[in-house]
Amino acid sequence: MLNEFDFKLDRAVFKHQSIEEADKNTNYWLSKTPEERLAASFYLNSIAYNFDINNPPKMDKTVFSMRKHKI
């Protein structure tokens, strides 16, 4: 289970990056395991869409429908 204290988003920090700094940032994330990258992206989604990380919203499956095509 993810803990809300595993990550921290500082909304007050913004920085323009040079190409070299952006490459370092890319290399940092590529050095992480896929599980760590997914956990970080899930955390950022929970912040962006304002939901509890341990209780994500359920998908509304009534919006979608399926039908068979006649051949």
PDB file of N, CA and C in Angstrom:
ATOM      1  N   MET A   1       0.834  -1.179   0.000  1.00  0.00           N
ATOM      2  CA  MET A   1       0.000   0.000   0.000  1.00  0.00           C
ATOM      3  C   MET A   1       0.880   1.244   0.000  1.00  0.00           C
ATOM      4  N   LEU A   2       0.463   2.237  -0.764  1.00  0.00           N
ATOM      5  CA  LEU A   2       1.210   3.481  -0.794  1.00  0.00           C
ATOM      6  C   LEU A   2       0.851   4.326   0.416  1.00  0.00           C
ATOM      7  N   ASN A   3       1.809   5.062   0.861  1.00  0.00           N
ATOM      8  CA  ASN A   3       1.617   5.960   1.978  1.00  0.00           C
ATOM      9  C   ASN A   3       1.675   7.380   1.443  1.00  0.00           C
ATOM     10  N   GLU A   4       0.812   8.251   1.936  1.00  0.00           N
ATOM     11  CA  GLU A   4       0.809   9.624   1.446  1.00  0.00           C
ATOM     12  C   GLU A   4       2.099  10.360   1.791  1.00  0.00           C
ATOM     13  N   PHE A   5       2.890   9.821   2.701  1.00  0.00           N
ATOM     14  CA  PHE A   5       4.133  10.467   3.084  1.00  0.00           C
ATOM     15  C   PHE A   5       5.333   9.925   2.312  1.00  0.00           C
ATOM     16  N   ASP A   6       5.103   8.969   1.392  1.00  0.00           N
ATOM     17  CA  ASP A   6       6.195   8.452   0.582  1.00  0.00           C
ATOM     18  C   ASP A   6       6.709   9.508  -0.391  1.00  0.00           C
ATOM     19  N   PHE A   7       5.821  10.405  -0.818  1.00  0.00           N
ATOM     20  CA  PHE A   7       6.173  11.447  -1.770  1.00  0.00           C
ATOM     21  C   PHE A   7       5.722  12.778  -1.212  1.00  0.00           C
ATOM     22  N   LYS A   8       6.333  13.844  -1.713  1.00  0.00           N
ATOM     23  CA  LYS A   8       5.909  15.187  -1.317  1.00  0.00           C
ATOM     24  C   LYS A   8       5.987  16.081  -2.541  1.00  0.00           C
ATOM     25  N   LEU A   9       4.896  16.758  -2.856  1.00  0.00           N
ATOM     26  CA  LEU A   9       4.835  17.680  -3.977  1.00  0.00           C
ATOM     27  C   LEU A   9       4.923  19.098  -3.443  1.00  0.00           C
ATOM     28  N   ASP A  10       5.965  19.808  -3.827  1.00  0.00           N
ATOM     29  CA  ASP A  10       6.134  21.204  -3.419  1.00  0.00           C
ATOM     30  C   ASP A  10       5.612  22.087  -4.542  1.00  0.00           C
ATOM     31  N   ARG A  11       4.431  22.655  -4.358  1.00  0.00           N
ATOM     32  CA  ARG A  11       3.794  23.462  -5.396  1.00  0.00           C
ATOM     33  C   ARG A  11       4.439  24.838  -5.549  1.00  0.00           C
ATOM     34  N   ALA A  12       5.276  25.246  -4.606  1.00  0.00           N
ATOM     35  CA  ALA A  12       5.884  26.572  -4.660  1.00  0.00           C
ATOM     36  C   ALA A  12       7.144  26.590  -5.512  1.00  0.00           C
ATOM     37  N   VAL A  13       7.628  25.439  -5.921  1.00  0.00           N
ATOM     38  CA  VAL A  13       8.889  25.373  -6.648  1.00  0.00           C
ATOM     39  C   VAL A  13       8.620  25.238  -8.133  1.00  0.00           C
ATOM     40  N   PHE A  14       9.228  26.118  -8.908  1.00  0.00           N
ATOM     41  CA  PHE A  14       9.185  26.020 -10.360  1.00  0.00           C
ATOM     42  C   PHE A  14      10.529  26.490 -10.871  1.00  0.00           C
ATOM     43  N   LYS A  15      11.080  25.777 -11.824  1.00  0.00           N
ATOM     44  CA  LYS A  15      12.415  26.108 -12.293  1.00  0.00           C
ATOM     45  C   LYS A  15      12.508  25.852 -13.789  1.00  0.00           C
ATOM     46  N   HIS A  16      13.054  26.822 -14.513  1.00  0.00           N
ATOM     47  CA  HIS A  16      13.337  26.609 -15.928  1.00  0.00           C
ATOM     48  C   HIS A  16      14.568  25.724 -16.014  1.00  0.00           C
ATOM     49  N   GLN A  17      14.542  24.781 -16.940  1.00  0.00           N
ATOM     50  CA  GLN A  17      15.663  23.854 -17.050  1.00  0.00           C
ATOM     51  C   GLN A  17      16.384  24.041 -18.374  1.00  0.00           C
ATOM     52  N   SER A  18      17.691  23.842 -18.324  1.00  0.00           N
ATOM     53  CA  SER A  18      18.458  23.793 -19.559  1.00  0.00           C
ATOM     54  C   SER A  18      18.329  22.374 -20.130  1.00  0.00           C
ATOM     55  N   ILE A  19      18.820  22.175 -21.307  1.00  0.00           N
ATOM     56  CA  ILE A  19      18.764  20.850 -21.928  1.00  0.00           C
ATOM     57  C   ILE A  19      19.546  19.841 -21.097  1.00  0.00           C
ATOM     58  N   GLU A  20      20.679  20.258 -20.546  1.00  0.00           N
ATOM     59  CA  GLU A  20      21.491  19.359 -19.735  1.00  0.00           C
ATOM     60  C   GLU A  20      20.750  18.949 -18.459  1.00  0.00           C
ATOM     61  N   GLU A  21      20.087  19.920 -17.820  1.00  0.00           N
ATOM     62  CA  GLU A  21      19.334  19.596 -16.604  1.00  0.00           C
ATOM     63  C   GLU A  21      18.164  18.675 -16.908  1.00  0.00           C
ATOM     64  N   ALA A  22      17.511  18.898 -18.035  1.00  0.00           N
ATOM     65  CA  ALA A  22      16.403  18.031 -18.421  1.00  0.00           C
ATOM     66  C   ALA A  22      16.899  16.614 -18.698  1.00  0.00           C
ATOM     67  N   ASP A  23      18.096  16.491 -19.304  1.00  0.00           N
ATOM     68  CA  ASP A  23      18.676  15.166 -19.541  1.00  0.00           C
ATOM     69  C   ASP A  23      18.988  14.462 -18.228  1.00  0.00           C
ATOM     70  N   LYS A  24      19.485  15.211 -17.246  1.00  0.00           N
ATOM     71  CA  LYS A  24      19.762  14.610 -15.935  1.00  0.00           C
ATOM     72  C   LYS A  24      18.471  14.121 -15.291  1.00  0.00           C
ATOM     73  N   ASN A  25      17.400  14.912 -15.441  1.00  0.00           N
ATOM     74  CA  ASN A  25      16.104  14.529 -14.880  1.00  0.00           C
ATOM     75  C   ASN A  25      15.588  13.263 -15.559  1.00  0.00           C
ATOM     76  N   THR A  26      15.750  13.185 -16.870  1.00  0.00           N
ATOM     77  CA  THR A  26      15.345  11.986 -17.605  1.00  0.00           C
ATOM     78  C   THR A  26      16.157  10.784 -17.158  1.00  0.00           C
ATOM     79  N   ASN A  27      17.453  10.960 -17.024  1.00  0.00           N
ATOM     80  CA  ASN A  27      18.310   9.859 -16.573  1.00  0.00           C
ATOM     81  C   ASN A  27      17.952   9.409 -15.161  1.00  0.00           C
ATOM     82  N   TYR A  28      17.555  10.363 -14.317  1.00  0.00           N
ATOM     83  CA  TYR A  28      17.141  10.019 -12.955  1.00  0.00           C
ATOM     84  C   TYR A  28      15.944   9.081 -12.995  1.00  0.00           C
ATOM     85  N   TRP A  29      14.919   9.445 -13.775  1.00  0.00           N
ATOM     86  CA  TRP A  29      13.719   8.619 -13.815  1.00  0.00           C
ATOM     87  C   TRP A  29      13.950   7.302 -14.533  1.00  0.00           C
ATOM     88  N   LEU A  30      14.848   7.279 -15.499  1.00  0.00           N
ATOM     89  CA  LEU A  30      15.161   6.013 -16.165  1.00  0.00           C
ATOM     90  C   LEU A  30      15.953   5.082 -15.259  1.00  0.00           C
ATOM     91  N   SER A  31      16.614   5.637 -14.248  1.00  0.00           N
ATOM     92  CA  SER A  31      17.356   4.800 -13.302  1.00  0.00           C
ATOM     93  C   SER A  31      16.429   4.137 -12.280  1.00  0.00           C
ATOM     94  N   LYS A  32      15.202   4.632 -12.165  1.00  0.00           N
ATOM     95  CA  LYS A  32      14.227   4.054 -11.240  1.00  0.00           C
ATOM     96  C   LYS A  32      13.591   2.823 -11.863  1.00  0.00           C
ATOM     97  N   THR A  33      13.089   1.947 -11.017  1.00  0.00           N
ATOM     98  CA  THR A  33      12.402   0.759 -11.523  1.00  0.00           C
ATOM     99  C   THR A  33      11.033   1.173 -12.066  1.00  0.00           C
ATOM    100  N   PRO A  34      10.463   0.367 -12.952  1.00  0.00           N
ATOM    101  CA  PRO A  34       9.116   0.696 -13.453  1.00  0.00           C
ATOM    102  C   PRO A  34       8.085   0.829 -12.326  1.00  0.00           C
ATOM    103  N   GLU A  35       8.227   0.037 -11.268  1.00  0.00           N
ATOM    104  CA  GLU A  35       7.294   0.132 -10.147  1.00  0.00           C
ATOM    105  C   GLU A  35       7.414   1.483  -9.447  1.00  0.00           C
ATOM    106  N   GLU A  36       8.644   1.977  -9.282  1.00  0.00           N
ATOM    107  CA  GLU A  36       8.846   3.273  -8.639  1.00  0.00           C
ATOM    108  C   GLU A  36       8.294   4.401  -9.502  1.00  0.00           C
ATOM    109  N   ARG A  37       8.484   4.300 -10.815  1.00  0.00           N
ATOM    110  CA  ARG A  37       7.954   5.324 -11.723  1.00  0.00           C
ATOM    111  C   ARG A  37       6.426   5.327 -11.711  1.00  0.00           C
ATOM    112  N   LEU A  38       5.821   4.143 -11.704  1.00  0.00           N
ATOM    113  CA  LEU A  38       4.363   4.071 -11.656  1.00  0.00           C
ATOM    114  C   LEU A  38       3.818   4.610 -10.336  1.00  0.00           C
ATOM    115  N   ALA A  39       4.510   4.310  -9.242  1.00  0.00           N
ATOM    116  CA  ALA A  39       4.071   4.816  -7.938  1.00  0.00           C
ATOM    117  C   ALA A  39       4.131   6.344  -7.915  1.00  0.00           C
ATOM    118  N   ALA A  40       5.187   6.926  -8.481  1.00  0.00           N
ATOM    119  CA  ALA A  40       5.307   8.385  -8.517  1.00  0.00           C
ATOM    120  C   ALA A  40       4.233   8.995  -9.414  1.00  0.00           C
ATOM    121  N   SER A  41       3.955   8.370 -10.562  1.00  0.00           N
ATOM    122  CA  SER A  41       2.925   8.919 -11.452  1.00  0.00           C
ATOM    123  C   SER A  41       1.537   8.775 -10.831  1.00  0.00           C
ATOM    124  N   PHE A  42       1.303   7.676 -10.119  1.00  0.00           N
ATOM    125  CA  PHE A  42       0.012   7.500  -9.438  1.00  0.00           C
ATOM    126  C   PHE A  42      -0.159   8.563  -8.356  1.00  0.00           C
ATOM    127  N   TYR A  43       0.905   8.854  -7.642  1.00  0.00           N
ATOM    128  CA  TYR A  43       0.854   9.899  -6.619  1.00  0.00           C
ATOM    129  C   TYR A  43       0.528  11.256  -7.251  1.00  0.00           C
ATOM    130  N   LEU A  44       1.189  11.585  -8.368  1.00  0.00           N
ATOM    131  CA  LEU A  44       0.934  12.869  -9.019  1.00  0.00           C
ATOM    132  C   LEU A  44      -0.497  12.946  -9.538  1.00  0.00           C
ATOM    133  N   ASN A  45      -1.030  11.837 -10.033  1.00  0.00           N
ATOM    134  CA  ASN A  45      -2.437  11.814 -10.459  1.00  0.00           C
ATOM    135  C   ASN A  45      -3.365  12.044  -9.274  1.00  0.00           C
ATOM    136  N   SER A  46      -3.043  11.459  -8.123  1.00  0.00           N
ATOM    137  CA  SER A  46      -3.899  11.651  -6.953  1.00  0.00           C
ATOM    138  C   SER A  46      -3.889  13.109  -6.501  1.00  0.00           C
ATOM    139  N   ILE A  47      -2.759  13.784  -6.654  1.00  0.00           N
ATOM    140  CA  ILE A  47      -2.681  15.205  -6.311  1.00  0.00           C
ATOM    141  C   ILE A  47      -3.451  16.037  -7.341  1.00  0.00           C
ATOM    142  N   ALA A  48      -3.250  15.727  -8.627  1.00  0.00           N
ATOM    143  CA  ALA A  48      -3.886  16.505  -9.687  1.00  0.00           C
ATOM    144  C   ALA A  48      -5.402  16.379  -9.660  1.00  0.00           C
ATOM    145  N   TYR A  49      -5.916  15.173  -9.393  1.00  0.00           N
ATOM    146  CA  TYR A  49      -7.359  14.947  -9.416  1.00  0.00           C
ATOM    147  C   TYR A  49      -7.975  14.904  -8.021  1.00  0.00           C
ATOM    148  N   ASN A  50      -7.169  15.210  -7.016  1.00  0.00           N
ATOM    149  CA  ASN A  50      -7.643  15.380  -5.640  1.00  0.00           C
ATOM    150  C   ASN A  50      -8.407  14.166  -5.113  1.00  0.00           C
ATOM    151  N   PHE A  51      -7.755  12.994  -5.165  1.00  0.00           N
ATOM    152  CA  PHE A  51      -8.354  11.820  -4.539  1.00  0.00           C
ATOM    153  C   PHE A  51      -7.344  11.180  -3.608  1.00  0.00           C
ATOM    154  N   ASP A  52      -7.867  10.441  -2.645  1.00  0.00           N
ATOM    155  CA  ASP A  52      -7.032   9.759  -1.663  1.00  0.00           C
ATOM    156  C   ASP A  52      -6.241   8.660  -2.362  1.00  0.00           C
ATOM    157  N   ILE A  53      -4.948   8.622  -2.154  1.00  0.00           N
ATOM    158  CA  ILE A  53      -4.085   7.670  -2.855  1.00  0.00           C
ATOM    159  C   ILE A  53      -4.414   6.221  -2.481  1.00  0.00           C
ATOM    160  N   ASN A  54      -4.916   5.992  -1.277  1.00  0.00           N
ATOM    161  CA  ASN A  54      -5.258   4.637  -0.855  1.00  0.00           C
ATOM    162  C   ASN A  54      -6.706   4.261  -1.164  1.00  0.00           C
ATOM    163  N   ASN A  55      -7.481   5.203  -1.678  1.00  0.00           N
ATOM    164  CA  ASN A  55      -8.876   4.947  -2.011  1.00  0.00           C
ATOM    165  C   ASN A  55      -9.219   5.653  -3.325  1.00  0.00           C
ATOM    166  N   PRO A  56      -8.682   5.175  -4.462  1.00  0.00           N
ATOM    167  CA  PRO A  56      -8.940   5.861  -5.735  1.00  0.00           C
ATOM    168  C   PRO A  56     -10.388   5.697  -6.159  1.00  0.00           C
ATOM    169  N   PRO A  57     -10.884   6.620  -6.990  1.00  0.00           N
ATOM    170  CA  PRO A  57     -12.277   6.517  -7.434  1.00  0.00           C
ATOM    171  C   PRO A  57     -12.466   5.319  -8.365  1.00  0.00           C
ATOM    172  N   LYS A  58     -13.663   4.793  -8.364  1.00  0.00           N
ATOM    173  CA  LYS A  58     -14.002   3.674  -9.238  1.00  0.00           C
ATOM    174  C   LYS A  58     -14.418   4.218 -10.600  1.00  0.00           C
ATOM    175  N   MET A  59     -14.148   3.440 -11.648  1.00  0.00           N
ATOM    176  CA  MET A  59     -14.552   3.841 -12.988  1.00  0.00           C
ATOM    177  C   MET A  59     -16.045   3.583 -13.167  1.00  0.00           C
ATOM    178  N   ASP A  60     -16.746   4.564 -13.745  1.00  0.00           N
ATOM    179  CA  ASP A  60     -18.172   4.418 -14.004  1.00  0.00           C
ATOM    180  C   ASP A  60     -18.344   3.606 -15.285  1.00  0.00           C
ATOM    181  N   LYS A  61     -18.693   2.346 -15.137  1.00  0.00           N
ATOM    182  CA  LYS A  61     -18.794   1.446 -16.281  1.00  0.00           C
ATOM    183  C   LYS A  61     -20.136   1.545 -16.996  1.00  0.00           C
ATOM    184  N   THR A  62     -21.059   2.350 -16.470  1.00  0.00           N
ATOM    185  CA  THR A  62     -22.352   2.499 -17.134  1.00  0.00           C
ATOM    186  C   THR A  62     -22.266   3.422 -18.345  1.00  0.00           C
ATOM    187  N   VAL A  63     -21.172   4.150 -18.487  1.00  0.00           N
ATOM    188  CA  VAL A  63     -21.010   5.075 -19.597  1.00  0.00           C
ATOM    189  C   VAL A  63     -20.728   4.322 -20.895  1.00  0.00           C
ATOM    190  N   PHE A  64     -20.104   3.178 -20.798  1.00  0.00           N
ATOM    191  CA  PHE A  64     -19.702   2.416 -21.971  1.00  0.00           C
ATOM    192  C   PHE A  64     -20.755   1.368 -22.318  1.00  0.00           C
ATOM    193  N   SER A  65     -20.862   1.070 -23.605  1.00  0.00           N
ATOM    194  CA  SER A  65     -21.772   0.014 -24.039  1.00  0.00           C
ATOM    195  C   SER A  65     -21.088  -0.825 -25.115  1.00  0.00           C
ATOM    196  N   MET A  66     -21.549  -2.050 -25.252  1.00  0.00           N
ATOM    197  CA  MET A  66     -21.001  -2.957 -26.261  1.00  0.00           C
ATOM    198  C   MET A  66     -22.148  -3.505 -27.098  1.00  0.00           C
ATOM    199  N   ARG A  67     -21.864  -3.753 -28.346  1.00  0.00           N
ATOM    200  CA  ARG A  67     -22.852  -4.391 -29.201  1.00  0.00           C
ATOM    201  C   ARG A  67     -22.133  -5.243 -30.221  1.00  0.00           C
ATOM    202  N   LYS A  68     -22.809  -6.240 -30.715  1.00  0.00           N
ATOM    203  CA  LYS A  68     -22.239  -7.117 -31.722  1.00  0.00           C
ATOM    204  C   LYS A  68     -22.587  -6.587 -33.117  1.00  0.00           C
ATOM    205  N   HIS A  69     -21.633  -6.710 -34.003  1.00  0.00           N
ATOM    206  CA  HIS A  69     -21.858  -6.323 -35.391  1.00  0.00           C
ATOM    207  C   HIS A  69     -22.264  -7.566 -36.188  1.00  0.00           C
ATOM    208  N   LYS A  70     -23.246  -7.408 -37.037  1.00  0.00           N
ATOM    209  CA  LYS A  70     -23.643  -8.518 -37.901  1.00  0.00           C
ATOM    210  C   LYS A  70     -22.661  -8.630 -39.051  1.00  0.00           C
ATOM    211  N   ILE A  71     -22.287  -9.864 -39.361  1.00  0.00           N
ATOM    212  CA  ILE A  71     -21.334 -10.102 -40.448  1.00  0.00           C
ATOM    213  C   ILE A  71     -22.050 -10.592 -41.672  1.00  0.00           C
TER     214      ILE A  71
END
